[in-house]
Amino acid sequence: MVAIITGKHIADFIPHERRRPYADEGDIRTFDVNAPIEQYVWHRDLSDRTINILEGEGWQFQFEGSLPYNLNEITEIDIPKDTFHRLIPGYNNLKIRIC
């Protein structure tokens, strides 16, 4: 359920640059190609994770110290915890499964 405060969505009270460029539905995460580029920041995860690309065209993934590489629907990425990485938006929304 989403909180409504004085007729506004709770996200209206979060500074735009601090909002997340994705929505979660269980283990599926969908990244919004129209989110501001500033929201696609270098970050680290608290635990190891594997992601599977389900949908999306033109997206790239980059580990710190490496060149970005293109993602496609057969891509599986193992991301060790505490490893800096980022996504570079493509042409349409990106849908992944987090394992």
Protein backbone atom coordinates (compact mmCIF):
# COMPACT_ATOMS: atom_id res chain seq x y z
CA MET A 1 0.00 0.00 0.00
CA VAL A 2 1.26 3.50 -0.83
CA ALA A 3 0.95 6.26 1.73
CA ILE A 4 -0.95 9.36 0.63
CA ILE A 5 -0.11 12.56 2.47
CA THR A 6 -2.10 15.69 1.70
CA GLY A 7 -3.02 14.33 -1.71
CA LYS A 8 0.58 13.66 -2.74
CA HIS A 9 2.45 10.42 -3.28
CA ILE A 10 5.16 9.73 -0.68
CA ALA A 11 7.76 9.85 -3.49
CA ASP A 12 6.92 13.55 -3.95
CA PHE A 13 8.68 14.21 -0.64
CA ILE A 14 11.91 12.43 -1.60
CA PRO A 15 14.44 14.58 -3.48
CA HIS A 16 14.42 13.57 -7.14
CA GLU A 17 18.13 12.66 -7.17
CA ARG A 18 17.62 10.23 -4.26
CA ARG A 19 14.76 8.24 -5.77
CA ARG A 20 15.47 4.79 -7.09
CA PRO A 21 15.21 4.25 -10.84
CA TYR A 22 13.49 0.89 -10.41
CA ALA A 23 10.46 -0.91 -9.04
CA ASP A 24 10.56 -4.32 -7.33
CA GLU A 25 7.97 -7.08 -7.66
CA GLY A 26 9.28 -10.05 -5.69
CA ASP A 27 12.58 -11.13 -7.24
CA ILE A 28 11.88 -9.13 -10.44
CA ARG A 29 13.26 -5.60 -10.71
CA THR A 30 12.30 -3.25 -13.55
CA PHE A 31 14.53 -0.27 -14.31
CA ASP A 32 12.92 2.82 -15.84
CA VAL A 33 14.71 3.99 -18.97
CA ASN A 34 13.15 7.45 -18.42
CA ALA A 35 14.60 7.92 -14.93
CA PRO A 36 17.17 10.72 -14.71
CA ILE A 37 20.69 9.50 -15.48
CA GLU A 38 21.78 10.82 -12.06
CA GLN A 39 19.84 7.96 -10.46
CA TYR A 40 22.05 5.35 -12.12
CA VAL A 41 24.91 5.71 -9.66
CA TRP A 42 27.94 3.62 -8.79
CA HIS A 43 26.99 1.49 -5.81
CA ARG A 44 27.81 -1.67 -3.83
CA ASP A 45 25.49 -4.42 -2.65
CA LEU A 46 25.53 -5.78 0.90
CA SER A 47 25.54 -9.41 -0.25
CA ASP A 48 26.60 -11.50 -3.25
CA ARG A 49 23.94 -11.66 -5.93
CA THR A 50 23.34 -13.07 -9.34
CA ILE A 51 21.12 -11.29 -11.83
CA ASN A 52 19.49 -12.63 -14.98
CA ILE A 53 18.46 -10.28 -17.75
CA LEU A 54 14.84 -10.87 -18.79
CA GLU A 55 14.11 -7.88 -21.06
CA GLY A 56 15.72 -4.68 -22.24
CA GLU A 57 17.65 -3.35 -25.21
CA GLY A 58 20.83 -1.30 -25.30
CA TRP A 59 21.59 -1.48 -21.56
CA GLN A 60 25.16 -1.83 -20.31
CA PHE A 61 26.69 -3.07 -17.07
CA GLN A 62 30.01 -1.90 -15.66
CA PHE A 63 32.20 -3.05 -12.79
CA GLU A 64 34.58 -0.46 -11.34
CA GLY A 65 37.88 -0.51 -13.22
CA SER A 66 36.38 -2.29 -16.24
CA LEU A 67 34.83 -1.19 -19.50
CA PRO A 68 31.02 -1.45 -19.73
CA TYR A 69 29.57 -4.36 -21.66
CA ASN A 70 26.25 -4.84 -23.40
CA LEU A 71 23.47 -6.77 -21.71
CA ASN A 72 21.13 -9.11 -23.52
CA GLU A 73 18.48 -11.60 -22.49
CA ILE A 74 20.95 -14.45 -22.03
CA THR A 75 23.25 -12.49 -19.75
CA GLU A 76 23.79 -13.69 -16.19
CA ILE A 77 25.97 -11.56 -13.93
CA ASP A 78 27.53 -12.59 -10.63
CA ILE A 79 28.08 -9.52 -8.46
CA PRO A 80 30.27 -10.05 -5.37
CA LYS A 81 29.26 -8.06 -2.30
CA ASP A 82 31.04 -4.73 -1.77
CA THR A 83 32.01 -4.51 -5.47
CA PHE A 84 31.23 -1.16 -7.09
CA HIS A 85 29.12 -1.41 -10.25
CA ARG A 86 26.53 0.49 -12.25
CA LEU A 87 23.98 0.23 -15.03
CA ILE A 88 24.00 2.44 -18.11
CA PRO A 89 20.46 2.92 -19.49
CA GLY A 90 19.46 1.63 -22.91
CA TYR A 91 16.48 2.11 -25.21
CA ASN A 92 13.61 0.67 -23.19
CA ASN A 93 12.97 -0.58 -19.64
CA LEU A 94 15.28 -3.27 -18.26
CA LYS A 95 13.77 -6.20 -16.40
CA ILE A 96 16.00 -8.49 -14.32
CA ARG A 97 15.61 -11.38 -11.90
CA ILE A 98 17.67 -11.13 -8.72
CA CYS A 99 18.78 -14.53 -7.45
